[in-house]
């Protein structure tokens, strides 16, 4: 989001108010803090935060 993390959270809340389906344990990444990287639907991505923490995800569409 061009207007930073606050704009990203606002966008998420606006979508949630219109019925964005979220499941318990589902992760949401806005990329507002870590940068934006091009990926395609269905891609599997991995983010590493030091040697002991890794987050893996499959990209979907909300």
N, C-alpha and C. Protein backbone atom coordinates (compact mmCIF):
# COMPACT_ATOMS: atom_id res chain seq x y z
N UNK A 1 0.84 -1.17 0.00
CA UNK A 1 0.00 0.00 0.00
C UNK A 1 0.89 1.23 0.00
N UNK A 2 0.57 2.16 -0.86
CA UNK A 2 1.39 3.35 -0.97
C UNK A 2 1.32 4.25 0.24
N UNK A 3 0.26 4.14 1.04
CA UNK A 3 0.14 4.98 2.22
C UNK A 3 0.57 4.26 3.50
N UNK A 4 1.40 3.24 3.37
CA UNK A 4 2.04 2.60 4.51
C UNK A 4 1.16 1.63 5.29
N UNK A 5 1.65 1.23 6.46
CA UNK A 5 0.96 0.22 7.26
C UNK A 5 -0.43 0.63 7.70
N UNK A 6 -0.64 1.91 8.01
CA UNK A 6 -1.96 2.35 8.44
C UNK A 6 -2.97 2.20 7.29
N UNK A 7 -2.57 2.58 6.09
CA UNK A 7 -3.44 2.41 4.93
C UNK A 7 -3.73 0.95 4.65
N UNK A 8 -2.74 0.09 4.87
CA UNK A 8 -2.93 -1.34 4.64
C UNK A 8 -3.94 -1.91 5.62
N UNK A 9 -3.85 -1.51 6.88
CA UNK A 9 -4.80 -1.99 7.89
C UNK A 9 -6.20 -1.44 7.59
N UNK A 10 -6.28 -0.17 7.19
CA UNK A 10 -7.59 0.41 6.84
C UNK A 10 -8.23 -0.39 5.70
N UNK A 11 -7.43 -0.72 4.67
CA UNK A 11 -7.92 -1.51 3.54
C UNK A 11 -8.45 -2.85 4.03
N UNK A 12 -7.71 -3.52 4.91
CA UNK A 12 -8.14 -4.81 5.45
C UNK A 12 -9.46 -4.69 6.20
N UNK A 13 -9.57 -3.67 7.05
CA UNK A 13 -10.81 -3.48 7.81
C UNK A 13 -11.99 -3.18 6.90
N UNK A 14 -11.75 -2.38 5.85
CA UNK A 14 -12.83 -2.09 4.91
C UNK A 14 -13.29 -3.35 4.20
N UNK A 15 -12.35 -4.20 3.81
CA UNK A 15 -12.72 -5.46 3.16
C UNK A 15 -13.46 -6.37 4.14
N UNK A 16 -13.01 -6.42 5.38
CA UNK A 16 -13.65 -7.26 6.39
C UNK A 16 -15.09 -6.80 6.62
N UNK A 17 -15.31 -5.50 6.61
CA UNK A 17 -16.66 -4.96 6.82
C UNK A 17 -17.61 -5.36 5.68
N UNK A 18 -17.05 -5.65 4.50
CA UNK A 18 -17.88 -6.07 3.36
C UNK A 18 -17.96 -7.59 3.24
N UNK A 19 -17.53 -8.31 4.28
CA UNK A 19 -17.71 -9.75 4.29
C UNK A 19 -16.49 -10.55 3.85
N UNK A 20 -15.29 -10.01 3.99
CA UNK A 20 -14.07 -10.76 3.67
C UNK A 20 -14.04 -12.02 4.52
N UNK A 21 -14.03 -13.19 3.91
CA UNK A 21 -14.05 -14.42 4.70
C UNK A 21 -12.68 -14.71 5.31
N UNK A 22 -12.62 -14.79 6.62
CA UNK A 22 -11.38 -15.12 7.32
C UNK A 22 -11.62 -16.34 8.19
N UNK A 23 -10.66 -17.25 8.17
CA UNK A 23 -10.76 -18.45 8.98
C UNK A 23 -9.79 -18.34 10.16
N UNK A 24 -10.12 -18.99 11.26
CA UNK A 24 -9.25 -19.00 12.42
C UNK A 24 -7.87 -19.51 12.03
N UNK A 25 -6.83 -18.80 12.44
CA UNK A 25 -5.46 -19.19 12.14
C UNK A 25 -4.95 -18.72 10.80
N UNK A 26 -5.79 -18.08 10.02
CA UNK A 26 -5.38 -17.60 8.70
C UNK A 26 -4.46 -16.39 8.87
N UNK A 27 -3.39 -16.36 8.10
CA UNK A 27 -2.45 -15.25 8.15
C UNK A 27 -2.75 -14.24 7.06
N UNK A 28 -2.48 -12.98 7.36
CA UNK A 28 -2.67 -11.91 6.39
C UNK A 28 -1.39 -11.10 6.35
N UNK A 29 -0.85 -10.93 5.17
CA UNK A 29 0.35 -10.12 5.00
C UNK A 29 0.04 -8.98 4.04
N UNK A 30 0.25 -7.77 4.52
CA UNK A 30 0.00 -6.60 3.66
C UNK A 30 1.26 -6.17 2.94
N UNK A 31 2.42 -6.67 3.36
CA UNK A 31 3.71 -6.31 2.79
C UNK A 31 4.03 -4.83 2.97
N UNK A 32 3.32 -4.15 3.81
CA UNK A 32 3.54 -2.72 4.01
C UNK A 32 4.83 -2.44 4.76
N UNK A 33 5.31 -3.36 5.55
CA UNK A 33 6.52 -3.15 6.33
C UNK A 33 7.72 -3.83 5.66
N UNK A 34 7.52 -5.00 5.11
CA UNK A 34 8.63 -5.79 4.58
C UNK A 34 8.94 -5.50 3.12
N UNK A 35 8.12 -4.76 2.44
CA UNK A 35 8.33 -4.52 1.01
C UNK A 35 7.33 -5.31 0.19
N UNK A 36 7.25 -4.99 -1.06
CA UNK A 36 6.30 -5.64 -1.96
C UNK A 36 7.07 -6.45 -2.99
N UNK A 37 6.69 -7.69 -3.14
CA UNK A 37 7.36 -8.59 -4.07
C UNK A 37 6.31 -9.21 -4.99
N UNK A 38 6.56 -9.24 -6.28
CA UNK A 38 5.57 -9.80 -7.20
C UNK A 38 5.45 -11.32 -7.06
N UNK A 39 4.24 -11.80 -6.86
CA UNK A 39 3.96 -13.24 -6.83
C UNK A 39 2.65 -13.47 -7.56
N UNK A 40 2.42 -14.70 -7.95
CA UNK A 40 1.19 -15.05 -8.65
C UNK A 40 0.33 -15.94 -7.78
N UNK A 41 -0.96 -15.95 -8.07
CA UNK A 41 -1.89 -16.80 -7.35
C UNK A 41 -1.41 -18.24 -7.41
N UNK A 42 -1.42 -18.90 -6.28
CA UNK A 42 -0.99 -20.29 -6.20
C UNK A 42 0.49 -20.46 -5.87
N UNK A 43 1.26 -19.35 -5.91
CA UNK A 43 2.69 -19.43 -5.60
C UNK A 43 2.89 -19.76 -4.12
N UNK A 44 3.93 -20.51 -3.83
CA UNK A 44 4.31 -20.77 -2.45
C UNK A 44 5.49 -19.87 -2.13
N UNK A 45 5.39 -19.13 -1.03
CA UNK A 45 6.44 -18.19 -0.65
C UNK A 45 6.93 -18.50 0.76
N UNK A 46 8.12 -18.04 1.05
CA UNK A 46 8.71 -18.27 2.35
C UNK A 46 9.42 -17.01 2.80
N UNK A 47 9.21 -16.62 4.04
CA UNK A 47 9.90 -15.47 4.63
C UNK A 47 10.69 -15.97 5.83
N UNK A 48 11.95 -15.63 5.86
CA UNK A 48 12.81 -16.03 6.98
C UNK A 48 13.15 -14.82 7.82
N UNK A 49 13.02 -14.98 9.13
CA UNK A 49 13.33 -13.94 10.09
C UNK A 49 14.38 -14.49 11.05
N UNK A 50 15.62 -14.45 10.61
CA UNK A 50 16.70 -15.03 11.39
C UNK A 50 16.77 -16.53 11.18
N UNK A 51 17.66 -17.19 11.91
CA UNK A 51 17.87 -18.63 11.69
C UNK A 51 16.77 -19.53 12.23
N UNK A 52 15.94 -19.01 13.15
CA UNK A 52 14.97 -19.88 13.83
C UNK A 52 13.52 -19.64 13.49
N UNK A 53 13.21 -18.63 12.68
CA UNK A 53 11.82 -18.34 12.41
C UNK A 53 11.58 -18.24 10.91
N UNK A 54 10.63 -19.04 10.43
CA UNK A 54 10.31 -19.08 9.02
C UNK A 54 8.79 -19.16 8.87
N UNK A 55 8.25 -18.39 7.94
CA UNK A 55 6.82 -18.41 7.66
C UNK A 55 6.64 -18.81 6.21
N UNK A 56 5.84 -19.86 5.95
CA UNK A 56 5.56 -20.31 4.59
C UNK A 56 4.10 -20.12 4.29
N UNK A 57 3.80 -19.82 3.06
CA UNK A 57 2.42 -19.52 2.72
C UNK A 57 2.15 -19.80 1.25
N UNK A 58 0.90 -20.11 0.92
CA UNK A 58 0.46 -20.20 -0.47
C UNK A 58 -0.40 -18.99 -0.75
N UNK A 59 -0.13 -18.31 -1.86
CA UNK A 59 -0.81 -17.08 -2.18
C UNK A 59 -2.19 -17.36 -2.75
N UNK A 60 -3.19 -16.69 -2.20
CA UNK A 60 -4.56 -16.81 -2.68
C UNK A 60 -5.12 -15.44 -2.99
N UNK A 61 -6.39 -15.38 -3.30
CA UNK A 61 -7.05 -14.12 -3.61
C UNK A 61 -8.21 -13.92 -2.64
N UNK A 62 -8.28 -12.74 -2.05
CA UNK A 62 -9.37 -12.43 -1.12
C UNK A 62 -10.47 -11.68 -1.84
